[in-house]
C-alpha atoms as a PDB file:
ATOM      1  CA  MET A   1       0.000   0.000   0.000  1.00  0.00           C
ATOM      2  CA  GLU A   2       2.786   2.411   0.856  1.00  0.00           C
ATOM      3  CA  ASN A   3       4.446   1.900  -2.533  1.00  0.00           C
ATOM      4  CA  ILE A   4       1.156   2.534  -4.327  1.00  0.00           C
ATOM      5  CA  ILE A   5       0.548   5.757  -2.402  1.00  0.00           C
ATOM      6  CA  PHE A   6       4.159   6.885  -2.811  1.00  0.00           C
ATOM      7  CA  THR A   7       3.990   6.368  -6.587  1.00  0.00           C
ATOM      8  CA  ASP A   8       0.638   8.154  -6.768  1.00  0.00           C
ATOM      9  CA  LEU A   9       1.969  11.166  -4.872  1.00  0.00           C
ATOM     10  CA  LEU A  10       4.995  11.418  -7.160  1.00  0.00           C
ATOM     11  CA  SER A  11       2.765  11.200 -10.248  1.00  0.00           C
ATOM     12  CA  ARG A  12       0.734  14.125  -8.870  1.00  0.00           C
ATOM     13  CA  GLY A  13       3.885  16.245  -8.624  1.00  0.00           C
ATOM     14  CA  PHE A  14       4.463  16.079  -4.873  1.00  0.00           C
ATOM     15  CA  ASP A  15       7.850  16.004  -3.183  1.00  0.00           C
ATOM     16  CA  VAL A  16       7.544  13.157  -0.676  1.00  0.00           C
ATOM     17  CA  TYR A  17       9.317  12.812   2.673  1.00  0.00           C
ATOM     18  CA  VAL A  18       9.042  10.753   5.844  1.00  0.00           C
ATOM     19  CA  GLY A  19       7.897  12.810   8.810  1.00  0.00           C
ATOM     20  CA  ASP A  20       9.127  12.538  12.390  1.00  0.00           C
ATOM     21  CA  PRO A  21       7.317  14.981  14.690  1.00  0.00           C
ATOM     22  CA  GLY A  22       8.445  14.332  18.240  1.00  0.00           C
ATOM     23  CA  GLY A  23       9.890  10.918  17.401  1.00  0.00           C
ATOM     24  CA  LYS A  24       6.608   9.580  15.974  1.00  0.00           C
ATOM     25  CA  GLU A  25       7.054   8.576  12.341  1.00  0.00           C
ATOM     26  CA  ILE A  26       4.548   9.686   9.731  1.00  0.00           C
ATOM     27  CA  ASP A  27       4.675   7.530   6.613  1.00  0.00           C
ATOM     28  CA  PHE A  28       4.504  10.441   4.158  1.00  0.00           C
ATOM     29  CA  VAL A  29       4.719  14.200   4.220  1.00  0.00           C
ATOM     30  CA  ALA A  30       3.829  15.303   0.693  1.00  0.00           C
ATOM     31  CA  VAL A  31       4.740  18.863  -0.297  1.00  0.00           C
ATOM     32  CA  LYS A  32       3.563  20.826  -3.318  1.00  0.00           C
ATOM     33  CA  ASP A  33       3.429  24.594  -3.892  1.00  0.00           C
ATOM     34  CA  ASP A  34       4.238  25.481  -0.238  1.00  0.00           C
ATOM     35  CA  ARG A  35       1.404  23.253   0.984  1.00  0.00           C
ATOM     36  CA  ARG A  36       1.667  19.838   2.546  1.00  0.00           C
ATOM     37  CA  ILE A  37      -0.392  16.841   3.499  1.00  0.00           C
ATOM     38  CA  TYR A  38       0.366  14.171   6.063  1.00  0.00           C
ATOM     39  CA  ILE A  39      -0.426  10.538   5.311  1.00  0.00           C
ATOM     40  CA  GLN A  40      -0.331   7.513   7.574  1.00  0.00           C
ATOM     41  CA  VAL A  41      -0.906   4.122   5.926  1.00  0.00           C
ATOM     42  CA  CYS A  42      -2.279   1.065   7.708  1.00  0.00           C
ATOM     43  CA  GLN A  43      -3.854  -2.071   6.228  1.00  0.00           C
ATOM     44  CA  THR A  44      -6.302  -2.598   9.079  1.00  0.00           C
ATOM     45  CA  ILE A  45      -6.974  -1.472  12.620  1.00  0.00           C
ATOM     46  CA  GLN A  46      -7.571  -4.568  14.702  1.00  0.00           C
ATOM     47  CA  SER A  47      -6.701  -3.338  18.179  1.00  0.00           C
ATOM     48  CA  GLU A  48      -6.757  -0.265  20.385  1.00  0.00           C
ATOM     49  CA  GLU A  49      -2.942  -0.342  20.354  1.00  0.00           C
ATOM     50  CA  THR A  50      -2.817  -0.115  16.548  1.00  0.00           C
ATOM     51  CA  MET A  51      -5.385   2.680  16.556  1.00  0.00           C
ATOM     52  CA  ALA A  52      -3.438   4.679  19.142  1.00  0.00           C
ATOM     53  CA  ARG A  53      -0.154   4.224  17.257  1.00  0.00           C
ATOM     54  CA  GLU A  54      -1.540   5.215  13.860  1.00  0.00           C
ATOM     55  CA  PHE A  55      -3.414   8.282  15.096  1.00  0.00           C
ATOM     56  CA  SER A  56      -0.822   9.536  17.602  1.00  0.00           C
ATOM     57  CA  SER A  57       1.714  10.505  14.935  1.00  0.00           C
ATOM     58  CA  LEU A  58      -0.870  12.529  12.997  1.00  0.00           C
ATOM     59  CA  ASP A  59      -2.342  14.041  16.160  1.00  0.00           C
ATOM     60  CA  SER A  60       1.124  15.284  17.152  1.00  0.00           C
ATOM     61  CA  VAL A  61       1.306  17.565  14.078  1.00  0.00           C
ATOM     62  CA  ASP A  62       0.306  21.065  15.094  1.00  0.00           C
ATOM     63  CA  ASP A  63      -0.725  22.801  11.873  1.00  0.00           C
ATOM     64  CA  SER A  64      -3.825  23.052   9.728  1.00  0.00           C
ATOM     65  CA  PHE A  65      -2.680  21.065   6.688  1.00  0.00           C
ATOM     66  CA  PRO A  66      -4.735  17.957   5.772  1.00  0.00           C
ATOM     67  CA  LYS A  67      -3.996  14.703   7.555  1.00  0.00           C
ATOM     68  CA  TYR A  68      -5.029  11.287   6.227  1.00  0.00           C
ATOM     69  CA  LEU A  69      -5.107   7.786   7.620  1.00  0.00           C
ATOM     70  CA  VAL A  70      -5.423   5.494   4.599  1.00  0.00           C
ATOM     71  CA  LEU A  71      -6.708   1.970   5.254  1.00  0.00           C
ATOM     72  CA  LEU A  72      -7.227  -0.858   2.807  1.00  0.00           C
ATOM     73  CA  GLU A  73     -10.909  -0.896   3.813  1.00  0.00           C
ATOM     74  CA  PRO A  74     -11.877   1.779   6.356  1.00  0.00           C
ATOM     75  CA  GLY A  75     -15.088   0.101   7.563  1.00  0.00           C
ATOM     76  CA  PRO A  76     -16.306   1.857  10.722  1.00  0.00           C
ATOM     77  CA  TYR A  77     -13.327   4.228  10.708  1.00  0.00           C
ATOM     78  CA  SER A  78     -14.395   6.092   7.559  1.00  0.00           C
ATOM     79  CA  GLY A  79     -14.795   9.842   8.041  1.00  0.00           C
ATOM     80  CA  PHE A  80     -13.120  12.401  10.275  1.00  0.00           C
ATOM     81  CA  THR A  81     -11.778  12.078  13.800  1.00  0.00           C
ATOM     82  CA  ASP A  82     -12.468  14.748  16.394  1.00  0.00           C
ATOM     83  CA  LYS A  83      -8.978  16.113  15.653  1.00  0.00           C
ATOM     84  CA  GLY A  84      -9.622  16.457  11.909  1.00  0.00           C
ATOM     85  CA  VAL A  85      -7.818  13.377  10.588  1.00  0.00           C
ATOM     86  CA  ARG A  86      -9.545  12.030   7.469  1.00  0.00           C
ATOM     87  CA  CYS A  87      -9.835   8.225   7.497  1.00  0.00           C
ATOM     88  CA  CYS A  88     -10.463   6.737   4.082  1.00  0.00           C
ATOM     89  CA  GLY A  89      -9.900   3.652   1.996  1.00  0.00           C
ATOM     90  CA  LEU A  90      -7.068   3.247  -0.462  1.00  0.00           C
ATOM     91  CA  GLU A  91      -9.371   3.404  -3.485  1.00  0.00           C
ATOM     92  CA  GLU A  92     -11.014   6.621  -2.258  1.00  0.00           C
ATOM     93  CA  PHE A  93      -7.640   8.244  -1.560  1.00  0.00           C
ATOM     94  CA  LEU A  94      -6.261   7.377  -4.993  1.00  0.00           C
ATOM     95  CA  SER A  95      -9.389   8.692  -6.730  1.00  0.00           C
ATOM     96  CA  LYS A  96      -9.406  12.108  -5.009  1.00  0.00           C
ATOM     97  CA  ASP A  97      -8.837  14.919  -7.487  1.00  0.00           C
ATOM     98  CA  ASP A  98      -7.524  17.391  -4.902  1.00  0.00           C
ATOM     99  CA  LEU A  99      -5.840  16.003  -1.798  1.00  0.00           C
ATOM    100  CA  PHE A 100      -5.747  19.444  -0.180  1.00  0.00           C
ATOM    101  CA  VAL A 101      -9.543  19.446   0.009  1.00  0.00           C
ATOM    102  CA  GLN A 102     -10.669  16.920   2.587  1.00  0.00           C
END
C-alpha cells in the first residue's frame, strides 16, 4: 500500500518525505506549492494499540494542513476524527482529485 501511495503522490507532482514529529514517524509528508499533506498508511486497525499508534503521529502535528489515515478498507473508521484526521480507503484516496480538500 505504501508503494502505491508513494507512486501516486509522485505522479501528482508532490515532493515526498518521511515525517518525524516528536519521534513519531509519519509515513509520508507530501509537499507541493508550499502546501503539505500528512499521510499515515495502515492495512487494518484490529486493536486499540494499533489505533493509538496510527493516530498519535498525525495528532502530534500542530498545523492546519490535511492529515489522512489510509486503510485498505476503512469500515467503521471512515470519516473524520475529532482532531480532523480524514480516514479513508485506499481506493477513495487514490481517486481524489484534490488532496488538499478533505
